[in-house]
Each structure stands twice: as C-alpha cells, then as structure tokens.
Amino acid sequence: GIKRILNTFLYLRGMRSRVGLKSIPVDFIIFDELDEAPQNAIDMAMERMGHSEFRKTLKLSNPTLPDYGIDKAFQQTDQRYWMLKCPSCGHRTCLEDTFPACLIELSDGRVIRACEKCKAELNPAIGEWVAKKSDIKDKIGYHYSQLFSQFVNPKGILHQFRTTQNLTDFYNLKIGIPWVEATHRI
C-alpha cells in the first residue's frame, strides 16, 4: 500500500482492520464515503494524526442522513455552492436551493437549467463557488450535485425525479443532499 511520489510517500490503507488503523502515524487522511464508515474507525484514524504538525483531512461522501457524517461535517464549513450566473439578468442561482423548479421543460421537449429570477437558460460552466457561511474561515466545504454537471442531461434528472420509487437515493446521490422520506423519519 505504500507508493513513492518524488520525495514523498503515499500510504493507501482501508479502515476495515483495527490493527491497520493503529499501525502507522499520518499527516493527511482522506475519508472516501465518510457516511459508510463506522464512527469508531473514523475516531481511530483521526487519532493517528496525534503527533503530526500538519493534521489535514479531506472528507468525501454522498450524504445520507441530515446532521450525520458528511452533512454534519459540511455544516461546520463555509458551505460553498456552485452558483450559476444568468447571461440575461446577471442573477446567480443555486440549483440545489431551487430544485425542481430550476429545471424547465420546453415545448420542444428539451429541459433546461433556468434562472430563478428571469427563467433564462443557464450554462453550468458559467458560475462561481460562493460560500453561504462566509464568516467561517478555517473550514472550506464544497457541495457537488449532478444538477450542474456538464455531463448529466437535466432532462434525465427531471425524468428520474418524476418516476423514481426511491426519493431518498435520488436526493442523496443526484442532488447531493441528505434526505429521508417522512415515513422513515424517527
């Protein structure tokens, strides 16, 4: 699991074994699919940075439950969202905040990403990351969604939203927000 890159070593390790988690000190941890990892394994991995002068972490995951895992970590950041700038009126739209109204089906069958103010078509490549909690300076967080992907057709997203039998996975995996159907909430 150890790789040398120039004069630096990269150690790739999973979180399945307690012995594996405890065996080496680290400076930087990348948690991939944080919401799937058991909390005790996360705590043990973080403890491996106890003697590090760097102590950097990168947390990645599809969200699952509100106030849990990656959503809880994201709430403690400056919460950056990709805001699309309208070519017609200049207004910036956060597609996640306006879904599903941000997707408009045209008479020719196309579905466009639309400005929340003037309904003009938005280009997902024209935007900027904007922090919703700009007062937080020490933790940066980015929210990703298929809504602004240049490789995902908005017509497919709208069709799946209208036809899915599993809204939880739709919101968690497509829109990137933690969501649980009302009938499953405790």
N, C-alpha and C. Protein backbone atom coordinates (compact mmCIF):
# COMPACT_ATOMS: atom_id res chain seq x y z
N GLY A 1 0.78 -1.21 0.00
CA GLY A 1 0.00 0.00 0.00
C GLY A 1 0.82 1.27 0.00
N ILE A 2 2.17 1.18 0.06
CA ILE A 2 2.97 2.39 0.10
C ILE A 2 3.50 2.71 -1.31
N LYS A 3 3.36 3.97 -1.70
CA LYS A 3 3.79 4.44 -3.02
C LYS A 3 4.71 5.64 -2.82
N ARG A 4 5.76 5.70 -3.61
CA ARG A 4 6.66 6.85 -3.55
C ARG A 4 6.37 7.77 -4.72
N ILE A 5 6.16 9.05 -4.44
CA ILE A 5 5.93 10.07 -5.46
C ILE A 5 6.98 11.16 -5.22
N LEU A 6 7.96 11.23 -6.10
CA LEU A 6 9.12 12.13 -5.93
C LEU A 6 9.77 11.83 -4.59
N ASN A 7 9.80 12.79 -3.67
CA ASN A 7 10.42 12.54 -2.36
C ASN A 7 9.39 12.37 -1.24
N THR A 8 8.17 12.02 -1.62
CA THR A 8 7.08 11.87 -0.66
C THR A 8 6.51 10.46 -0.75
N PHE A 9 6.00 9.98 0.36
CA PHE A 9 5.39 8.65 0.39
C PHE A 9 3.89 8.77 0.56
N LEU A 10 3.17 7.98 -0.18
CA LEU A 10 1.71 7.89 -0.09
C LEU A 10 1.39 6.50 0.40
N TYR A 11 0.65 6.43 1.49
CA TYR A 11 0.30 5.14 2.07
C TYR A 11 -1.20 4.95 1.94
N LEU A 12 -1.62 3.99 1.16
CA LEU A 12 -3.03 3.72 0.93
C LEU A 12 -3.48 2.62 1.88
N ARG A 13 -4.51 2.91 2.65
CA ARG A 13 -4.95 1.97 3.66
C ARG A 13 -6.46 2.08 3.84
N GLY A 14 -7.10 0.97 4.00
CA GLY A 14 -8.53 0.95 4.27
C GLY A 14 -8.80 1.06 5.76
N MET A 15 -10.09 1.07 6.11
CA MET A 15 -10.47 1.21 7.51
C MET A 15 -11.14 -0.05 8.05
N ARG A 16 -10.88 -1.19 7.43
CA ARG A 16 -11.56 -2.41 7.85
C ARG A 16 -10.92 -3.08 9.07
N SER A 17 -9.64 -2.83 9.28
CA SER A 17 -8.91 -3.51 10.34
C SER A 17 -8.49 -2.53 11.42
N ARG A 18 -8.77 -2.85 12.68
CA ARG A 18 -8.34 -2.00 13.80
C ARG A 18 -6.81 -1.95 13.86
N VAL A 19 -6.18 -3.09 13.62
CA VAL A 19 -4.72 -3.15 13.64
C VAL A 19 -4.16 -2.27 12.53
N GLY A 20 -4.76 -2.33 11.35
CA GLY A 20 -4.32 -1.50 10.23
C GLY A 20 -4.47 -0.02 10.53
N LEU A 21 -5.52 0.35 11.23
CA LEU A 21 -5.75 1.76 11.58
C LEU A 21 -4.75 2.25 12.61
N LYS A 22 -4.33 1.37 13.51
CA LYS A 22 -3.46 1.77 14.61
C LYS A 22 -1.98 1.70 14.27
N SER A 23 -1.62 1.14 13.14
CA SER A 23 -0.21 0.78 12.93
C SER A 23 0.71 1.88 12.44
N ILE A 24 0.22 2.96 11.87
CA ILE A 24 1.13 3.99 11.34
C ILE A 24 0.66 5.39 11.70
N PRO A 25 1.60 6.31 11.92
CA PRO A 25 1.23 7.72 12.10
C PRO A 25 1.01 8.35 10.73
N VAL A 26 0.15 9.36 10.66
CA VAL A 26 -0.15 10.02 9.39
C VAL A 26 -0.24 11.53 9.58
N ASP A 27 -0.10 12.24 8.45
CA ASP A 27 -0.24 13.69 8.43
C ASP A 27 -1.52 14.13 7.73
N PHE A 28 -2.03 13.29 6.83
CA PHE A 28 -3.17 13.67 5.98
C PHE A 28 -4.05 12.45 5.78
N ILE A 29 -5.34 12.59 6.03
CA ILE A 29 -6.29 11.48 5.87
C ILE A 29 -7.36 11.90 4.87
N ILE A 30 -7.65 11.01 3.95
CA ILE A 30 -8.77 11.20 3.03
C ILE A 30 -9.82 10.16 3.38
N PHE A 31 -10.97 10.62 3.80
CA PHE A 31 -12.10 9.74 4.06
C PHE A 31 -12.96 9.70 2.80
N ASP A 32 -13.02 8.56 2.15
CA ASP A 32 -13.87 8.40 0.98
C ASP A 32 -15.12 7.65 1.42
N GLU A 33 -16.29 8.19 1.10
CA GLU A 33 -17.58 7.67 1.56
C GLU A 33 -17.64 7.64 3.09
N LEU A 34 -17.45 8.81 3.67
CA LEU A 34 -17.45 9.01 5.12
C LEU A 34 -18.70 8.43 5.78
N ASP A 35 -19.85 8.60 5.16
CA ASP A 35 -21.11 8.15 5.78
C ASP A 35 -21.19 6.63 5.92
N GLU A 36 -20.36 5.91 5.20
CA GLU A 36 -20.36 4.44 5.27
C GLU A 36 -19.39 3.92 6.32
N ALA A 37 -18.54 4.78 6.87
CA ALA A 37 -17.52 4.34 7.83
C ALA A 37 -18.08 4.35 9.25
N PRO A 38 -17.75 3.35 10.05
CA PRO A 38 -18.18 3.36 11.45
C PRO A 38 -17.46 4.46 12.23
N GLN A 39 -18.17 5.11 13.14
CA GLN A 39 -17.61 6.24 13.89
C GLN A 39 -16.34 5.86 14.65
N ASN A 40 -16.29 4.67 15.23
CA ASN A 40 -15.10 4.29 15.98
C ASN A 40 -13.87 4.19 15.06
N ALA A 41 -14.05 3.79 13.81
CA ALA A 41 -12.94 3.73 12.86
C ALA A 41 -12.49 5.14 12.47
N ILE A 42 -13.44 6.05 12.31
CA ILE A 42 -13.10 7.44 12.00
C ILE A 42 -12.30 8.05 13.15
N ASP A 43 -12.76 7.82 14.38
CA ASP A 43 -12.06 8.35 15.56
C ASP A 43 -10.65 7.79 15.64
N MET A 44 -10.49 6.49 15.38
CA MET A 44 -9.18 5.88 15.46
C MET A 44 -8.26 6.43 14.37
N ALA A 45 -8.78 6.62 13.17
CA ALA A 45 -7.97 7.19 12.08
C ALA A 45 -7.52 8.60 12.45
N MET A 46 -8.41 9.40 12.99
CA MET A 46 -8.06 10.77 13.39
C MET A 46 -6.98 10.77 14.47
N GLU A 47 -7.03 9.78 15.35
CA GLU A 47 -6.03 9.68 16.43
C GLU A 47 -4.63 9.45 15.87
N ARG A 48 -4.53 8.89 14.68
CA ARG A 48 -3.22 8.62 14.07
C ARG A 48 -2.50 9.92 13.70
N MET A 49 -3.19 11.04 13.73
CA MET A 49 -2.56 12.33 13.45
C MET A 49 -2.17 13.06 14.74
N GLY A 50 -2.25 12.37 15.86
CA GLY A 50 -1.99 13.00 17.15
C GLY A 50 -0.64 13.67 17.27
N HIS A 51 0.38 13.15 16.59
CA HIS A 51 1.72 13.71 16.70
C HIS A 51 2.14 14.46 15.43
N SER A 52 1.20 14.70 14.54
CA SER A 52 1.51 15.37 13.28
C SER A 52 1.50 16.89 13.44
N GLU A 53 2.40 17.55 12.75
CA GLU A 53 2.37 19.02 12.74
C GLU A 53 1.43 19.54 11.67
N PHE A 54 0.96 18.68 10.75
CA PHE A 54 0.11 19.11 9.63
C PHE A 54 -1.38 18.89 9.91
N ARG A 55 -1.77 17.69 10.25
CA ARG A 55 -3.16 17.32 10.61
C ARG A 55 -4.18 17.82 9.60
N LYS A 56 -4.12 17.30 8.41
CA LYS A 56 -5.06 17.68 7.35
C LYS A 56 -6.02 16.51 7.08
N THR A 57 -7.28 16.85 6.83
CA THR A 57 -8.26 15.83 6.45
C THR A 57 -9.06 16.31 5.25
N LEU A 58 -9.47 15.37 4.45
CA LEU A 58 -10.37 15.61 3.33
C LEU A 58 -11.49 14.60 3.46
N LYS A 59 -12.71 15.10 3.58
CA LYS A 59 -13.86 14.22 3.77
C LYS A 59 -14.73 14.27 2.53
N LEU A 60 -14.98 13.10 1.95
CA LEU A 60 -15.77 12.96 0.74
C LEU A 60 -16.89 11.96 1.00
N SER A 61 -18.07 12.22 0.48
CA SER A 61 -19.14 11.24 0.64
C SER A 61 -20.41 11.73 -0.04
N ASN A 62 -21.24 10.79 -0.41
CA ASN A 62 -22.63 11.12 -0.72
C ASN A 62 -23.32 11.22 0.63
N PRO A 63 -24.09 12.28 0.85
CA PRO A 63 -24.78 12.40 2.14
C PRO A 63 -25.87 11.35 2.27
N THR A 64 -26.16 11.00 3.50
CA THR A 64 -27.25 10.05 3.75
C THR A 64 -28.29 10.73 4.64
N LEU A 65 -28.00 10.86 5.90
CA LEU A 65 -28.95 11.41 6.86
C LEU A 65 -28.61 12.85 7.22
N PRO A 66 -29.64 13.67 7.47
CA PRO A 66 -29.38 15.03 7.95
C PRO A 66 -28.64 14.99 9.29
N ASP A 67 -27.69 15.90 9.48
CA ASP A 67 -26.92 16.04 10.71
C ASP A 67 -26.07 14.81 11.05
N TYR A 68 -25.66 14.08 10.03
CA TYR A 68 -24.85 12.88 10.22
C TYR A 68 -23.73 12.84 9.18
N GLY A 69 -22.58 12.36 9.57
CA GLY A 69 -21.50 12.12 8.63
C GLY A 69 -21.08 13.35 7.86
N ILE A 70 -21.11 13.24 6.53
CA ILE A 70 -20.63 14.32 5.68
C ILE A 70 -21.51 15.57 5.82
N ASP A 71 -22.81 15.40 6.04
CA ASP A 71 -23.67 16.57 6.22
C ASP A 71 -23.29 17.33 7.49
N LYS A 72 -23.04 16.61 8.55
CA LYS A 72 -22.62 17.25 9.80
C LYS A 72 -21.29 17.98 9.61
N ALA A 73 -20.35 17.34 8.92
CA ALA A 73 -19.05 17.97 8.65
C ALA A 73 -19.22 19.20 7.76
N PHE A 74 -20.08 19.11 6.74
CA PHE A 74 -20.31 20.22 5.82
C PHE A 74 -20.93 21.42 6.54
N GLN A 75 -21.80 21.16 7.50
CA GLN A 75 -22.43 22.24 8.25
C GLN A 75 -21.42 23.06 9.05
N GLN A 76 -20.25 22.49 9.31
CA GLN A 76 -19.21 23.19 10.09
C GLN A 76 -18.24 23.95 9.19
N THR A 77 -18.52 23.97 7.86
CA THR A 77 -17.64 24.66 6.91
C THR A 77 -18.29 25.95 6.43
N ASP A 78 -17.62 26.60 5.48
CA ASP A 78 -18.18 27.83 4.89
C ASP A 78 -19.27 27.53 3.85
N GLN A 79 -19.50 26.28 3.53
CA GLN A 79 -20.59 25.81 2.66
C GLN A 79 -20.61 26.50 1.29
N ARG A 80 -19.69 26.10 0.45
CA ARG A 80 -19.61 26.67 -0.90
C ARG A 80 -20.48 25.89 -1.87
N TYR A 81 -21.30 26.63 -2.61
CA TYR A 81 -22.19 26.07 -3.64
C TYR A 81 -21.82 26.69 -4.98
N TRP A 82 -22.00 25.92 -6.05
CA TRP A 82 -21.74 26.41 -7.40
C TRP A 82 -22.96 27.23 -7.83
N MET A 83 -22.77 28.53 -7.94
CA MET A 83 -23.85 29.45 -8.30
C MET A 83 -23.71 29.78 -9.78
N LEU A 84 -24.76 29.48 -10.55
CA LEU A 84 -24.74 29.74 -11.98
C LEU A 84 -25.17 31.18 -12.24
N LYS A 85 -24.40 31.86 -13.10
CA LYS A 85 -24.69 33.25 -13.40
C LYS A 85 -25.55 33.32 -14.67
N CYS A 86 -26.66 34.01 -14.57
CA CYS A 86 -27.58 34.14 -15.69
C CYS A 86 -27.00 35.10 -16.75
N PRO A 87 -26.96 34.67 -18.02
CA PRO A 87 -26.44 35.55 -19.07
C PRO A 87 -27.41 36.69 -19.41
N SER A 88 -28.67 36.53 -19.02
CA SER A 88 -29.67 37.56 -19.34
C SER A 88 -29.77 38.65 -18.28
N CYS A 89 -29.90 38.24 -17.02
CA CYS A 89 -30.13 39.25 -15.97
C CYS A 89 -28.99 39.37 -14.97
N GLY A 90 -28.02 38.45 -15.01
CA GLY A 90 -26.88 38.51 -14.11
C GLY A 90 -27.11 37.90 -12.74
N HIS A 91 -28.33 37.45 -12.47
CA HIS A 91 -28.66 36.85 -11.18
C HIS A 91 -27.92 35.52 -11.02
N ARG A 92 -27.51 35.20 -9.79
CA ARG A 92 -26.87 33.91 -9.52
C ARG A 92 -27.90 32.96 -8.90
N THR A 93 -27.96 31.75 -9.44
CA THR A 93 -28.92 30.74 -9.00
C THR A 93 -28.20 29.53 -8.43
N CYS A 94 -28.63 29.09 -7.27
CA CYS A 94 -28.17 27.83 -6.68
C CYS A 94 -29.22 26.78 -7.04
N LEU A 95 -28.86 25.87 -7.94
CA LEU A 95 -29.82 24.88 -8.43
C LEU A 95 -30.36 23.99 -7.31
N GLU A 96 -29.52 23.65 -6.35
CA GLU A 96 -29.97 22.78 -5.26
C GLU A 96 -31.06 23.45 -4.42
N ASP A 97 -30.96 24.77 -4.26
CA ASP A 97 -31.96 25.51 -3.46
C ASP A 97 -33.29 25.65 -4.19
N THR A 98 -33.27 25.57 -5.52
CA THR A 98 -34.49 25.84 -6.28
C THR A 98 -35.04 24.59 -6.97
N PHE A 99 -34.42 23.43 -6.73
CA PHE A 99 -34.90 22.19 -7.36
C PHE A 99 -36.26 21.80 -6.81
N PRO A 100 -37.20 21.36 -7.63
CA PRO A 100 -37.14 21.04 -9.06
C PRO A 100 -37.51 22.20 -9.98
N ALA A 101 -37.89 23.36 -9.41
CA ALA A 101 -38.32 24.50 -10.23
C ALA A 101 -37.21 25.00 -11.16
N CYS A 102 -35.95 24.68 -10.84
CA CYS A 102 -34.83 25.15 -11.66
C CYS A 102 -34.74 24.42 -13.00
N LEU A 103 -35.46 23.31 -13.14
CA LEU A 103 -35.47 22.57 -14.40
C LEU A 103 -36.81 22.81 -15.09
N ILE A 104 -36.74 23.39 -16.28
CA ILE A 104 -37.96 23.74 -17.02
C ILE A 104 -38.00 22.96 -18.32
N GLU A 105 -39.14 22.31 -18.55
CA GLU A 105 -39.34 21.55 -19.79
C GLU A 105 -39.91 22.49 -20.85
N LEU A 106 -39.21 22.57 -21.97
CA LEU A 106 -39.62 23.45 -23.06
C LEU A 106 -40.57 22.72 -24.01
N SER A 107 -41.24 23.48 -24.88
CA SER A 107 -42.21 22.90 -25.81
C SER A 107 -41.58 21.92 -26.80
N ASP A 108 -40.28 22.06 -27.06
CA ASP A 108 -39.60 21.14 -27.99
C ASP A 108 -39.12 19.87 -27.29
N GLY A 109 -39.42 19.72 -25.99
CA GLY A 109 -39.05 18.51 -25.25
C GLY A 109 -37.74 18.64 -24.48
N ARG A 110 -36.95 19.66 -24.78
CA ARG A 110 -35.71 19.86 -24.03
C ARG A 110 -36.02 20.32 -22.61
N VAL A 111 -35.10 20.02 -21.71
CA VAL A 111 -35.20 20.50 -20.33
C VAL A 111 -33.95 21.35 -20.09
N ILE A 112 -34.18 22.55 -19.58
CA ILE A 112 -33.07 23.48 -19.33
C ILE A 112 -32.94 23.77 -17.84
N ARG A 113 -31.73 24.17 -17.47
CA ARG A 113 -31.49 24.73 -16.14
C ARG A 113 -31.88 26.20 -16.26
N ALA A 114 -32.75 26.68 -15.38
CA ALA A 114 -33.30 28.02 -15.56
C ALA A 114 -32.97 28.94 -14.39
N CYS A 115 -32.75 30.20 -14.74
CA CYS A 115 -32.53 31.24 -13.74
C CYS A 115 -33.79 31.36 -12.88
N GLU A 116 -33.61 31.44 -11.58
CA GLU A 116 -34.78 31.53 -10.70
C GLU A 116 -35.48 32.87 -10.84
N LYS A 117 -34.79 33.88 -11.36
CA LYS A 117 -35.36 35.22 -11.47
C LYS A 117 -36.07 35.43 -12.82
N CYS A 118 -35.36 35.19 -13.94
CA CYS A 118 -35.93 35.51 -15.25
C CYS A 118 -36.24 34.29 -16.11
N LYS A 119 -35.90 33.09 -15.63
CA LYS A 119 -36.17 31.81 -16.31
C LYS A 119 -35.35 31.59 -17.58
N ALA A 120 -34.30 32.39 -17.79
CA ALA A 120 -33.41 32.19 -18.94
C ALA A 120 -32.57 30.93 -18.72
N GLU A 121 -32.11 30.33 -19.81
CA GLU A 121 -31.30 29.12 -19.71
C GLU A 121 -29.93 29.43 -19.13
N LEU A 122 -29.50 28.58 -18.22
CA LEU A 122 -28.21 28.73 -17.56
C LEU A 122 -27.21 27.72 -18.11
N ASN A 123 -25.98 28.15 -18.22
CA ASN A 123 -24.89 27.27 -18.63
C ASN A 123 -24.16 26.81 -17.37
N PRO A 124 -24.09 25.50 -17.11
CA PRO A 124 -23.46 25.05 -15.87
C PRO A 124 -21.97 25.36 -15.77
N ALA A 125 -21.34 25.71 -16.89
CA ALA A 125 -19.92 26.07 -16.87
C ALA A 125 -19.69 27.51 -16.44
N ILE A 126 -20.75 28.31 -16.44
CA ILE A 126 -20.60 29.73 -16.11
C ILE A 126 -21.16 29.97 -14.71
N GLY A 127 -20.26 30.00 -13.77
CA GLY A 127 -20.65 30.21 -12.39
C GLY A 127 -19.44 30.41 -11.51
N GLU A 128 -19.68 30.41 -10.22
CA GLU A 128 -18.58 30.54 -9.27
C GLU A 128 -18.99 29.91 -7.95
N TRP A 129 -17.97 29.47 -7.20
CA TRP A 129 -18.21 28.93 -5.87
C TRP A 129 -18.48 30.09 -4.92
N VAL A 130 -19.61 30.03 -4.22
CA VAL A 130 -19.99 31.08 -3.28
C VAL A 130 -20.26 30.44 -1.93
N ALA A 131 -19.63 30.98 -0.90
CA ALA A 131 -19.81 30.48 0.45
C ALA A 131 -21.09 31.03 1.06
N LYS A 132 -21.93 30.16 1.56
CA LYS A 132 -23.16 30.60 2.23
C LYS A 132 -22.87 31.04 3.66
N LYS A 133 -21.78 30.56 4.22
CA LYS A 133 -21.37 30.97 5.58
C LYS A 133 -19.97 31.58 5.48
N SER A 134 -19.90 32.75 4.88
CA SER A 134 -18.60 33.39 4.62
C SER A 134 -17.87 33.81 5.89
N ASP A 135 -18.56 33.80 7.03
CA ASP A 135 -17.90 34.16 8.29
C ASP A 135 -17.01 33.03 8.80
N ILE A 136 -17.20 31.81 8.30
CA ILE A 136 -16.34 30.68 8.68
C ILE A 136 -15.11 30.70 7.78
N LYS A 137 -13.95 30.84 8.37
CA LYS A 137 -12.71 30.98 7.59
C LYS A 137 -11.80 29.76 7.67
N ASP A 138 -11.95 28.93 8.70
CA ASP A 138 -10.98 27.86 8.91
C ASP A 138 -11.36 26.52 8.28
N LYS A 139 -12.59 26.37 7.82
CA LYS A 139 -13.00 25.11 7.20
C LYS A 139 -13.75 25.40 5.91
N ILE A 140 -13.22 24.89 4.81
CA ILE A 140 -13.83 25.09 3.50
C ILE A 140 -14.57 23.81 3.11
N GLY A 141 -15.79 23.96 2.62
CA GLY A 141 -16.58 22.81 2.18
C GLY A 141 -17.25 23.10 0.85
N TYR A 142 -17.24 22.11 -0.03
CA TYR A 142 -17.85 22.25 -1.35
C TYR A 142 -19.00 21.25 -1.49
N HIS A 143 -20.11 21.72 -2.02
CA HIS A 143 -21.26 20.86 -2.28
C HIS A 143 -21.33 20.57 -3.77
N TYR A 144 -21.33 19.28 -4.10
CA TYR A 144 -21.41 18.88 -5.50
C TYR A 144 -22.76 18.23 -5.77
N SER A 145 -23.25 18.46 -6.97
CA SER A 145 -24.54 17.94 -7.38
C SER A 145 -24.50 17.63 -8.87
N GLN A 146 -25.28 16.66 -9.29
CA GLN A 146 -25.38 16.38 -10.72
C GLN A 146 -26.18 17.45 -11.45
N LEU A 147 -26.85 18.32 -10.71
CA LEU A 147 -27.62 19.39 -11.35
C LEU A 147 -26.75 20.32 -12.18
N PHE A 148 -25.52 20.54 -11.78
CA PHE A 148 -24.66 21.45 -12.55
C PHE A 148 -23.55 20.72 -13.31
N SER A 149 -23.68 19.41 -13.42
CA SER A 149 -22.71 18.65 -14.21
C SER A 149 -22.93 18.91 -15.70
N GLN A 150 -21.85 19.11 -16.42
CA GLN A 150 -21.94 19.29 -17.86
C GLN A 150 -22.11 17.96 -18.58
N PHE A 151 -22.01 16.86 -17.84
CA PHE A 151 -22.10 15.53 -18.43
C PHE A 151 -23.41 14.82 -18.12
N VAL A 152 -24.26 15.45 -17.32
CA VAL A 152 -25.55 14.86 -16.96
C VAL A 152 -26.64 15.72 -17.55
N ASN A 153 -27.48 15.12 -18.36
CA ASN A 153 -28.56 15.84 -19.03
C ASN A 153 -29.66 16.18 -18.01
N PRO A 154 -30.06 17.45 -17.92
CA PRO A 154 -31.11 17.81 -16.97
C PRO A 154 -32.45 17.11 -17.26
N LYS A 155 -32.67 16.73 -18.51
CA LYS A 155 -33.91 16.01 -18.85
C LYS A 155 -33.94 14.67 -18.13
N GLY A 156 -32.80 14.00 -18.05
CA GLY A 156 -32.73 12.72 -17.34
C GLY A 156 -32.96 12.88 -15.86
N ILE A 157 -32.43 13.96 -15.28
CA ILE A 157 -32.63 14.22 -13.86
C ILE A 157 -34.11 14.45 -13.57
N LEU A 158 -34.76 15.28 -14.39
CA LEU A 158 -36.18 15.58 -14.17
C LEU A 158 -37.03 14.33 -14.35
N HIS A 159 -36.71 13.53 -15.36
CA HIS A 159 -37.46 12.28 -15.59
C HIS A 159 -37.31 11.34 -14.39
N GLN A 160 -36.08 11.20 -13.91
CA GLN A 160 -35.86 10.31 -12.76
C GLN A 160 -36.60 10.82 -11.53
N PHE A 161 -36.59 12.14 -11.31
CA PHE A 161 -37.30 12.72 -10.17
C PHE A 161 -38.80 12.40 -10.23
N ARG A 162 -39.35 12.52 -11.43
CA ARG A 162 -40.80 12.29 -11.60
C ARG A 162 -41.19 10.82 -11.51
N THR A 163 -40.25 9.91 -11.77
CA THR A 163 -40.61 8.49 -11.87
C THR A 163 -40.00 7.60 -10.80
N THR A 164 -39.07 8.11 -10.01
CA THR A 164 -38.37 7.25 -9.06
C THR A 164 -39.30 6.70 -7.98
N GLN A 165 -38.98 5.51 -7.55
CA GLN A 165 -39.66 4.91 -6.41
C GLN A 165 -38.81 5.05 -5.15
N ASN A 166 -37.63 5.69 -5.30
CA ASN A 166 -36.70 5.82 -4.19
C ASN A 166 -36.18 7.25 -4.12
N LEU A 167 -36.97 8.13 -3.53
CA LEU A 167 -36.58 9.53 -3.43
C LEU A 167 -35.35 9.74 -2.55
N THR A 168 -35.17 8.89 -1.55
CA THR A 168 -34.01 9.04 -0.68
C THR A 168 -32.71 8.93 -1.48
N ASP A 169 -32.56 7.86 -2.27
CA ASP A 169 -31.35 7.71 -3.08
C ASP A 169 -31.27 8.80 -4.14
N PHE A 170 -32.40 9.21 -4.69
CA PHE A 170 -32.38 10.28 -5.69
C PHE A 170 -31.77 11.55 -5.10
N TYR A 171 -32.31 12.00 -3.96
CA TYR A 171 -31.79 13.23 -3.35
C TYR A 171 -30.35 13.06 -2.87
N ASN A 172 -30.04 11.92 -2.24
CA ASN A 172 -28.68 11.69 -1.72
C ASN A 172 -27.65 11.63 -2.85
N LEU A 173 -27.94 10.89 -3.92
CA LEU A 173 -26.95 10.62 -4.96
C LEU A 173 -26.98 11.60 -6.13
N LYS A 174 -28.14 12.08 -6.53
CA LYS A 174 -28.24 13.00 -7.68
C LYS A 174 -28.09 14.46 -7.26
N ILE A 175 -28.83 14.86 -6.23
CA ILE A 175 -28.84 16.26 -5.81
C ILE A 175 -27.75 16.52 -4.77
N GLY A 176 -27.34 15.48 -4.07
CA GLY A 176 -26.26 15.62 -3.11
C GLY A 176 -26.68 16.20 -1.78
N ILE A 177 -27.92 15.97 -1.41
CA ILE A 177 -28.39 16.49 -0.12
C ILE A 177 -28.85 15.33 0.77
N PRO A 178 -28.67 15.46 2.08
CA PRO A 178 -29.18 14.42 2.98
C PRO A 178 -30.69 14.50 3.01
N TRP A 179 -31.33 13.37 2.87
CA TRP A 179 -32.79 13.40 2.79
C TRP A 179 -33.34 12.05 3.19
N VAL A 180 -34.38 12.07 3.97
CA VAL A 180 -35.06 10.87 4.37
C VAL A 180 -36.55 11.11 4.18
N GLU A 181 -37.24 10.14 3.57
CA GLU A 181 -38.68 10.29 3.37
C GLU A 181 -39.38 10.41 4.72
N ALA A 182 -40.44 11.19 4.76
CA ALA A 182 -41.15 11.46 6.01
C ALA A 182 -41.61 10.19 6.71
N THR A 183 -41.95 9.16 5.94
CA THR A 183 -42.44 7.92 6.54
C THR A 183 -41.31 7.13 7.22
N HIS A 184 -40.04 7.48 6.93
CA HIS A 184 -38.90 6.78 7.53
C HIS A 184 -38.21 7.57 8.64
N ARG A 185 -38.73 8.75 8.94
CA ARG A 185 -38.10 9.56 10.00
C ARG A 185 -38.51 9.09 11.38
N ILE A 186 -37.59 9.20 12.29
CA ILE A 186 -37.88 8.78 13.68
C ILE A 186 -38.25 10.01 14.47
